[in-house]
C-alpha atoms as a PDB file:
ATOM      1  CA  MET A   1       0.000   0.000   0.000  1.00  0.00           C
ATOM      2  CA  VAL A   2       1.135   3.566  -0.645  1.00  0.00           C
ATOM      3  CA  ALA A   3       0.018   6.623   1.301  1.00  0.00           C
ATOM      4  CA  LEU A   4       0.585  10.021  -0.297  1.00  0.00           C
ATOM      5  CA  LEU A   5       0.963  12.893   2.146  1.00  0.00           C
ATOM      6  CA  GLY A   6       1.283  16.567   1.387  1.00  0.00           C
ATOM      7  CA  VAL A   7      -0.235  16.352  -2.080  1.00  0.00           C
ATOM      8  CA  ALA A   8      -2.581  19.190  -3.043  1.00  0.00           C
ATOM      9  CA  GLU A   9      -6.067  18.124  -4.031  1.00  0.00           C
ATOM     10  CA  PRO A  10      -7.495  19.375  -7.332  1.00  0.00           C
ATOM     11  CA  LEU A  11     -10.499  21.656  -7.541  1.00  0.00           C
ATOM     12  CA  ARG A  12     -13.672  20.284  -9.077  1.00  0.00           C
ATOM     13  CA  SER A  13     -16.301  22.668 -10.372  1.00  0.00           C
ATOM     14  CA  GLY A  14     -14.556  25.498  -8.554  1.00  0.00           C
ATOM     15  CA  ARG A  15     -15.228  23.924  -5.158  1.00  0.00           C
ATOM     16  CA  PRO A  16     -12.389  22.570  -3.003  1.00  0.00           C
ATOM     17  CA  VAL A  17     -12.293  18.818  -2.540  1.00  0.00           C
ATOM     18  CA  PRO A  18     -12.777  17.892   1.131  1.00  0.00           C
ATOM     19  CA  PRO A  19      -9.428  16.979   2.725  1.00  0.00           C
ATOM     20  CA  HIS A  20      -8.639  13.316   3.178  1.00  0.00           C
ATOM     21  CA  ASN A  21      -8.246  11.865   6.611  1.00  0.00           C
ATOM     22  CA  LEU A  22      -4.486  11.251   6.813  1.00  0.00           C
ATOM     23  CA  SER A  23      -4.840   8.626   9.526  1.00  0.00           C
ATOM     24  CA  ALA A  24      -5.111   4.968   8.609  1.00  0.00           C
ATOM     25  CA  PRO A  25      -8.510   4.411   6.934  1.00  0.00           C
ATOM     26  CA  SER A  26      -9.045   0.951   8.370  1.00  0.00           C
ATOM     27  CA  THR A  27      -8.317  -0.805  11.633  1.00  0.00           C
ATOM     28  CA  LYS A  28      -7.181  -4.090  10.078  1.00  0.00           C
ATOM     29  CA  ASP A  29      -3.438  -4.671  10.005  1.00  0.00           C
ATOM     30  CA  ASP A  30      -2.213  -4.905   6.413  1.00  0.00           C
ATOM     31  CA  GLY A  31       1.410  -4.716   7.523  1.00  0.00           C
ATOM     32  CA  PRO A  32       3.828  -1.856   6.934  1.00  0.00           C
ATOM     33  CA  MET A  33       2.940   0.804   4.372  1.00  0.00           C
ATOM     34  CA  HIS A  34       5.157   2.718   1.976  1.00  0.00           C
ATOM     35  CA  ARG A  35       4.537   6.373   2.745  1.00  0.00           C
ATOM     36  CA  VAL A  36       5.458   9.018   0.138  1.00  0.00           C
ATOM     37  CA  ILE A  37       5.848  12.574   1.405  1.00  0.00           C
ATOM     38  CA  GLN A  38       5.974  15.454  -1.080  1.00  0.00           C
ATOM     39  CA  TRP A  39       9.164  17.149   0.103  1.00  0.00           C
ATOM     40  CA  SER A  40       9.402  20.886  -0.608  1.00  0.00           C
ATOM     41  CA  GLY A  41      12.499  21.568   1.417  1.00  0.00           C
ATOM     42  CA  GLY A  42      10.521  23.740   3.811  1.00  0.00           C
ATOM     43  CA  ILE A  43       9.685  23.442   7.477  1.00  0.00           C
ATOM     44  CA  GLY A  44       6.184  22.075   6.730  1.00  0.00           C
ATOM     45  CA  SER A  45       7.423  19.064   4.793  1.00  0.00           C
ATOM     46  CA  TRP A  46      10.123  18.466   7.413  1.00  0.00           C
ATOM     47  CA  ALA A  47       7.534  18.533  10.203  1.00  0.00           C
ATOM     48  CA  THR A  48       5.313  16.139   8.219  1.00  0.00           C
ATOM     49  CA  ALA A  49       8.199  13.725   7.700  1.00  0.00           C
ATOM     50  CA  GLU A  50       9.227  13.917  11.367  1.00  0.00           C
ATOM     51  CA  LEU A  51       5.639  13.176  12.447  1.00  0.00           C
ATOM     52  CA  VAL A  52       5.199  10.277  10.009  1.00  0.00           C
ATOM     53  CA  VAL A  53       8.496   8.674  11.024  1.00  0.00           C
ATOM     54  CA  ARG A  54       7.615   9.030  14.702  1.00  0.00           C
ATOM     55  CA  GLN A  55       4.045   7.710  14.352  1.00  0.00           C
ATOM     56  CA  HIS A  56       4.847   4.915  11.865  1.00  0.00           C
ATOM     57  CA  PRO A  57       8.365   3.651  12.679  1.00  0.00           C
ATOM     58  CA  ASP A  58       7.904   0.349  10.824  1.00  0.00           C
ATOM     59  CA  ASP A  59       6.739   1.916   7.544  1.00  0.00           C
ATOM     60  CA  GLU A  60       8.984   2.668   4.586  1.00  0.00           C
ATOM     61  CA  VAL A  61       9.119   6.416   3.856  1.00  0.00           C
ATOM     62  CA  THR A  62      10.086   8.192   0.630  1.00  0.00           C
ATOM     63  CA  LEU A  63      10.764  11.931   0.608  1.00  0.00           C
ATOM     64  CA  LEU A  64       9.901  13.035  -2.944  1.00  0.00           C
ATOM     65  CA  PHE A  65      11.485  16.338  -4.008  1.00  0.00           C
ATOM     66  CA  ALA A  66      10.669  17.957  -7.366  1.00  0.00           C
ATOM     67  CA  GLY A  67      13.800  19.901  -8.243  1.00  0.00           C
ATOM     68  CA  VAL A  68      13.347  23.060 -10.304  1.00  0.00           C
ATOM     69  CA  LEU A  69      17.039  24.017 -10.511  1.00  0.00           C
ATOM     70  CA  ILE A  70      16.505  27.619  -9.363  1.00  0.00           C
ATOM     71  CA  GLU A  71      16.194  27.207  -5.599  1.00  0.00           C
ATOM     72  CA  ASP A  72      18.477  29.020  -3.185  1.00  0.00           C
ATOM     73  CA  SER A  73      21.547  26.975  -2.239  1.00  0.00           C
ATOM     74  CA  ASP A  74      20.435  27.005   1.407  1.00  0.00           C
ATOM     75  CA  LEU A  75      17.453  24.825   0.463  1.00  0.00           C
ATOM     76  CA  TYR A  76      19.814  22.093  -0.679  1.00  0.00           C
ATOM     77  CA  ARG A  77      21.840  22.423   2.530  1.00  0.00           C
ATOM     78  CA  PHE A  78      18.624  22.110   4.543  1.00  0.00           C
ATOM     79  CA  ASN A  79      17.617  19.060   2.477  1.00  0.00           C
ATOM     80  CA  ALA A  80      20.940  17.357   3.215  1.00  0.00           C
ATOM     81  CA  ASP A  81      20.750  18.158   6.944  1.00  0.00           C
ATOM     82  CA  ALA A  82      17.110  17.047   7.219  1.00  0.00           C
ATOM     83  CA  SER A  83      17.749  13.848   5.271  1.00  0.00           C
ATOM     84  CA  GLU A  84      20.621  12.968   7.589  1.00  0.00           C
ATOM     85  CA  ARG A  85      18.620  13.750  10.737  1.00  0.00           C
ATOM     86  CA  LEU A  86      15.587  11.755   9.547  1.00  0.00           C
ATOM     87  CA  GLY A  87      17.753   8.908   8.271  1.00  0.00           C
ATOM     88  CA  ILE A  88      15.890   8.929   4.938  1.00  0.00           C
ATOM     89  CA  PRO A  89      17.416   9.792   1.571  1.00  0.00           C
ATOM     90  CA  ILE A  90      15.603  12.360  -0.553  1.00  0.00           C
ATOM     91  CA  THR A  91      14.368  11.102  -3.922  1.00  0.00           C
ATOM     92  CA  ARG A  92      14.758  13.935  -6.429  1.00  0.00           C
ATOM     93  CA  VAL A  93      12.813  14.125  -9.677  1.00  0.00           C
ATOM     94  CA  CYS A  94      13.804  16.677 -12.306  1.00  0.00           C
ATOM     95  CA  ASP A  95      13.794  16.698 -16.094  1.00  0.00           C
ATOM     96  CA  GLY A  96      16.752  19.084 -16.241  1.00  0.00           C
ATOM     97  CA  ARG A  97      14.849  22.286 -17.094  1.00  0.00           C
ATOM     98  CA  THR A  98      14.104  25.352 -15.024  1.00  0.00           C
ATOM     99  CA  PRO A  99      10.488  26.564 -14.951  1.00  0.00           C
ATOM    100  CA  PHE A 100      11.454  29.318 -17.399  1.00  0.00           C
ATOM    101  CA  GLU A 101      12.853  26.781 -19.861  1.00  0.00           C
ATOM    102  CA  LEU A 102       9.703  24.707 -19.471  1.00  0.00           C
ATOM    103  CA  PHE A 103       7.522  27.760 -20.178  1.00  0.00           C
ATOM    104  CA  ARG A 104       9.564  28.537 -23.286  1.00  0.00           C
ATOM    105  CA  ASP A 105       9.527  24.916 -24.499  1.00  0.00           C
ATOM    106  CA  SER A 106       5.783  24.546 -23.959  1.00  0.00           C
ATOM    107  CA  ARG A 107       4.987  28.000 -25.377  1.00  0.00           C
ATOM    108  CA  PHE A 108       3.407  28.973 -22.079  1.00  0.00           C
ATOM    109  CA  SER A 109       3.538  32.675 -22.957  1.00  0.00           C
ATOM    110  CA  GLU A 110       1.362  32.004 -26.037  1.00  0.00           C
ATOM    111  CA  MET A 111      -1.182  30.191 -23.883  1.00  0.00           C
ATOM    112  CA  LEU A 112      -1.581  33.384 -21.878  1.00  0.00           C
ATOM    113  CA  GLY A 113      -2.405  35.257 -25.059  1.00  0.00           C
ATOM    114  CA  SER A 114       0.286  37.850 -24.516  1.00  0.00           C
ATOM    115  CA  ARG A 115       3.844  38.104 -25.721  1.00  0.00           C
ATOM    116  CA  ARG A 116       4.577  40.647 -22.992  1.00  0.00           C
ATOM    117  CA  VAL A 117       5.205  37.842 -20.504  1.00  0.00           C
ATOM    118  CA  PRO A 118       8.995  37.752 -20.010  1.00  0.00           C
ATOM    119  CA  VAL A 119      10.417  34.292 -20.627  1.00  0.00           C
ATOM    120  CA  PRO A 120      14.223  34.185 -20.509  1.00  0.00           C
END
């Protein structure tokens, strides 16, 4: 089983989706779970990871970080320190482009209907 924590819920018909209960949905013991935490490199994702590790010590935990290649260097220092303290490596996903390169490659500025949007 996989539990996703820290993932934003989509909007449907302009109304927010009710939040999921992040506690275990059933009382039966299915064994350890693999918990995936969306890791932003901020204090909120660190606190979530700390809580999950403390409350579910037998479960496997993945810290999933979406790298955008333009973060401040201190974020990466914090990631390394937090990973060491939690004892969990951070899994980084990145396709090698910055958001600006992605906008340019996907013609994001044309989707906005204006060429006045600066895209380096």
